[in-house]
Protein backbone atom coordinates (compact mmCIF):
# COMPACT_ATOMS: atom_id res chain seq x y z
CA MET A 1 143.33 330.65 47.58
CA THR A 2 143.65 327.31 46.37
CA LYS A 3 143.76 324.61 49.15
CA ALA A 4 146.35 321.85 48.38
CA ILE A 5 147.14 318.84 50.60
CA VAL A 6 151.16 317.88 50.41
CA LEU A 7 152.57 314.49 51.33
CA THR A 8 155.45 316.01 53.54
CA SER A 9 158.70 313.90 55.14
CA GLY A 10 160.93 316.74 56.22
CA GLY A 11 163.01 315.68 53.25
CA LEU A 12 164.53 318.15 50.64
CA ASP A 13 161.73 317.59 47.92
CA SER A 14 158.68 317.34 49.56
CA THR A 15 159.66 320.90 51.91
CA THR A 16 160.61 322.60 48.12
CA VAL A 17 157.47 321.54 46.84
CA VAL A 18 155.75 323.19 50.11
CA TYR A 19 158.02 326.60 49.51
CA LYS A 20 157.21 326.59 45.84
CA LEU A 21 153.38 326.47 46.21
CA LEU A 22 153.65 329.23 49.19
CA GLU A 23 154.94 331.07 46.68
CA LYS A 24 152.52 330.76 44.16
CA GLY A 25 149.61 331.69 46.56
CA HIS A 26 148.34 328.44 47.36
CA GLU A 27 147.12 327.41 51.25
CA VAL A 28 149.36 324.28 52.00
CA TYR A 29 148.21 321.59 54.33
CA PRO A 30 151.23 319.50 55.20
CA LEU A 31 150.44 315.49 55.83
CA PHE A 32 152.92 313.22 57.24
CA PHE A 33 153.10 309.56 57.57
CA ASP A 34 154.14 307.83 60.52
CA TYR A 35 154.53 304.22 59.13
CA GLY A 36 157.18 303.08 61.29
CA GLN A 37 160.18 304.18 60.06
CA HIS A 38 163.05 303.75 62.37
CA CYS A 39 164.13 308.11 61.55
CA VAL A 40 160.04 309.17 62.37
CA GLU A 41 160.75 310.92 65.01
CA THR A 42 164.15 312.72 63.31
CA GLU A 43 162.08 313.15 60.02
CA TRP A 44 159.17 314.69 61.81
CA SER A 45 160.93 316.80 64.13
CA ARG A 46 163.02 318.04 61.10
CA LEU A 47 159.62 318.61 58.94
CA ASN A 48 158.58 321.19 61.84
CA GLU A 49 161.67 323.21 61.92
CA VAL A 50 162.15 322.99 57.88
CA LEU A 51 158.60 324.32 56.82
CA PRO A 52 157.50 328.21 57.38
CA ALA A 53 156.13 330.05 59.26
CA SER A 54 153.41 331.23 56.99
CA CYS A 55 152.49 327.28 56.67
CA PRO A 56 149.93 325.13 59.04
CA CYS A 57 151.48 322.90 61.59
CA PRO A 58 151.38 319.05 59.73
CA GLU A 59 149.21 316.59 60.13
CA ARG A 60 150.97 313.15 61.72
CA VAL A 61 148.60 310.35 60.83
CA ASP A 62 149.79 306.88 62.46
CA ILE A 63 149.60 303.44 60.05
CA SER A 64 152.45 302.09 61.29
CA GLU A 65 150.76 298.79 61.94
CA ILE A 66 150.41 297.77 58.22
CA PHE A 67 153.70 297.40 58.22
CA ARG A 68 154.08 295.34 61.48
CA GLY A 69 156.68 292.90 61.47
CA SER A 70 158.37 294.02 58.24
CA THR A 71 162.36 293.33 57.60
CA SER A 72 162.74 296.40 55.67
CA ARG A 73 165.59 298.34 56.70
CA LEU A 74 163.37 301.50 56.79
CA ILE A 75 162.01 299.76 59.42
CA ASP A 76 164.05 297.31 61.23
CA GLU A 77 167.09 300.15 61.06
CA ALA A 78 170.91 298.51 60.00
CA ASP A 79 174.10 298.54 61.90
CA LEU A 80 175.60 301.15 60.11
CA TRP A 81 179.31 299.48 61.53
CA ALA A 82 178.51 296.07 60.35
CA ASP A 83 175.33 295.04 58.37
CA ASP A 84 175.82 295.10 54.57
CA ILE A 85 173.07 296.84 53.10
CA VAL A 86 171.93 296.67 49.13
CA ASP A 87 168.88 298.56 47.92
CA ASP A 88 166.39 296.17 47.93
CA ASP A 89 166.62 295.92 51.67
CA LEU A 90 165.32 298.97 51.62
CA TYR A 91 162.40 298.44 49.98
CA ILE A 92 158.57 298.64 51.26
CA PRO A 93 155.73 296.97 49.29
CA TYR A 94 153.32 298.96 48.33
CA ARG A 95 153.88 302.19 50.60
CA THR A 96 153.74 304.66 48.23
CA MET A 97 150.14 303.54 46.45
CA LEU A 98 149.23 303.57 50.73
CA PHE A 99 150.24 306.97 50.53
CA PHE A 100 148.12 308.44 47.65
CA ALA A 101 145.15 306.48 48.78
CA ALA A 102 145.02 307.71 52.45
CA ALA A 103 146.40 311.26 51.16
CA ALA A 104 142.94 310.88 49.02
CA ALA A 105 141.05 309.73 51.57
CA ARG A 106 141.83 312.32 53.71
CA ALA A 107 141.53 315.11 51.35
CA GLN A 108 138.61 314.70 50.05
CA THR A 109 137.43 314.44 53.58
CA ILE A 110 138.27 317.79 54.36
CA GLY A 111 137.45 319.33 51.08
CA ILE A 112 140.92 319.21 49.36
CA LEU A 113 140.84 318.75 45.74
CA ASP A 114 144.64 318.84 45.28
CA VAL A 115 147.30 316.38 46.55
CA TYR A 116 151.16 317.10 46.00
CA THR A 117 154.03 314.92 46.26
CA GLY A 118 157.26 315.68 45.98
CA PHE A 119 158.41 312.29 44.36
CA ILE A 120 161.18 312.17 41.35
CA ASN A 121 162.15 309.98 38.87
CA SER A 122 163.98 307.23 40.49
CA ASN A 123 166.30 304.80 39.48
CA HIS A 124 166.45 303.56 43.22
CA ALA A 125 165.89 299.41 43.05
CA LYS A 126 163.54 300.14 46.51
CA GLU A 127 161.55 302.54 44.30
CA ILE A 128 159.98 301.22 41.61
CA ASP A 129 156.87 303.01 43.12
CA CYS A 130 158.13 306.43 42.84
CA THR A 131 158.88 306.01 39.04
CA SER A 132 157.35 308.69 36.70
CA SER A 133 155.88 305.66 34.70
CA PHE A 134 154.08 304.37 37.76
CA MET A 135 152.59 307.95 38.71
CA ASN A 136 151.60 308.63 35.01
CA LYS A 137 149.50 305.29 35.51
CA LEU A 138 148.70 306.28 39.09
CA ASP A 139 146.95 309.74 36.82
CA GLY A 140 144.51 307.16 34.90
CA LEU A 141 143.43 305.52 38.18
CA THR A 142 142.44 308.29 39.76
CA GLU A 143 140.37 309.91 36.98
CA SER A 144 137.89 307.59 37.29
CA ILE A 145 137.25 307.02 41.25
CA GLY A 146 136.78 310.27 42.27
CA PRO A 147 137.50 314.17 42.33
CA VAL A 148 141.15 314.31 44.01
CA ARG A 149 143.64 315.09 41.90
CA PHE A 150 147.54 314.33 42.42
CA HIS A 151 150.59 316.39 41.67
CA SER A 152 154.56 315.78 41.32
CA PRO A 153 155.82 318.87 40.19
CA PHE A 154 159.18 317.20 40.36
CA ARG A 155 158.61 313.51 38.54
CA PHE A 156 160.70 314.50 35.03
CA SER A 157 163.51 316.07 37.57
CA SER A 158 166.49 315.33 38.34
CA LYS A 159 167.66 316.09 42.21
CA ALA A 160 170.35 318.84 41.21
CA ASP A 161 167.12 319.97 39.34
CA VAL A 162 165.51 320.18 42.64
CA VAL A 163 168.51 321.54 44.73
CA GLN A 164 168.26 324.55 42.33
CA GLU A 165 164.56 325.03 43.15
CA ALA A 166 165.19 324.71 46.62
CA MET A 167 168.48 327.02 46.50
CA LYS A 168 166.16 329.72 44.52
CA LEU A 169 163.25 329.45 47.29
CA ARG A 170 165.38 330.21 50.36
CA VAL A 171 164.42 326.53 51.32
CA PRO A 172 167.08 325.41 54.37
CA ILE A 173 168.02 322.37 52.37
CA GLY A 174 170.77 321.75 55.11
CA ARG A 175 168.06 321.23 57.90
CA THR A 176 166.21 318.62 55.96
CA TYR A 177 166.42 315.03 56.23
CA SER A 178 166.26 312.14 53.75
CA CYS A 179 168.83 309.33 54.98
CA GLN A 180 167.19 305.85 55.20
CA ALA A 181 169.70 303.78 56.76
CA SER A 182 170.45 305.85 60.23
CA SER A 183 167.77 307.39 62.44
CA SER A 184 169.86 309.94 63.95
CA PHE A 185 172.30 311.39 61.64
CA PRO A 186 173.08 311.20 57.49
CA CYS A 187 174.86 308.34 56.95
CA GLY A 188 176.25 309.73 53.34
CA ALA A 189 175.68 306.02 51.86
CA CYS A 190 172.21 305.15 51.36
CA PRO A 191 170.67 306.15 47.67
CA ASN A 192 169.32 308.75 49.22
CA CYS A 193 171.86 310.36 50.76
CA VAL A 194 174.23 309.81 47.61
CA GLU A 195 171.66 311.65 45.48
CA ARG A 196 171.45 313.93 47.59
CA LEU A 197 175.68 314.47 47.87
CA ASN A 198 175.68 314.05 44.06
CA ALA A 199 173.02 316.67 43.23
CA LEU A 200 174.89 319.20 45.30
CA LYS A 201 178.26 318.45 43.88
CA VAL A 202 176.85 318.72 40.50
CA ILE A 203 175.55 322.56 41.83
CA ARG A 204 178.95 323.46 43.38
CA ASP A 205 180.59 322.07 39.99
CA GLU A 206 177.98 324.39 37.68
CA ARG A 207 178.81 327.41 40.21
CA ASP A 208 182.16 327.09 40.14
CA HIS A 209 182.39 326.70 36.31
CA THR A 210 180.63 330.15 35.78
CA LYS A 211 182.68 331.68 38.00
CA PRO A 212 184.91 334.27 36.45
């Protein structure tokens, strides 16, 4: 049985990757990063709620000190009623690079050579290090420094593609959590919420169109 670490956040994309790997017979080890995000406890709670019973408990790693003092609104929660937030306010420098490096180190330490992520090709300004172009360059970097390999099954997919796959795998979509602006409830207005809502609408419209 192939072992794999999956970077998990309790969000739709990474949760769907977990379900997909389990369906294929992989032995999955969820890895969760506390990087000081204001919604960390909500994410952690939802992650433990949405993972299937056949999956081991996620491992939580605290790297929050690295981003101590950050003004990113992913860490310093905004007042949704008073603050005007734009995409760039949600960016955290080198966060994704740090995730990959830490995950690779953890994977090789415990004898696992495959690390999976749920990153999709994004147009969000704050996610310049989550694009398919970035992922492709990262592949070349890791091939020259160690045995761990990264896999991002949805790197060329849209959010609607992920929703479609999640539905097939019976992922509890409604219990996953991806909001960037609020630590307790989906705001419906941040880039992640908008992308998610639009994807769900696309799937709904497609289903309505195919009804007899």
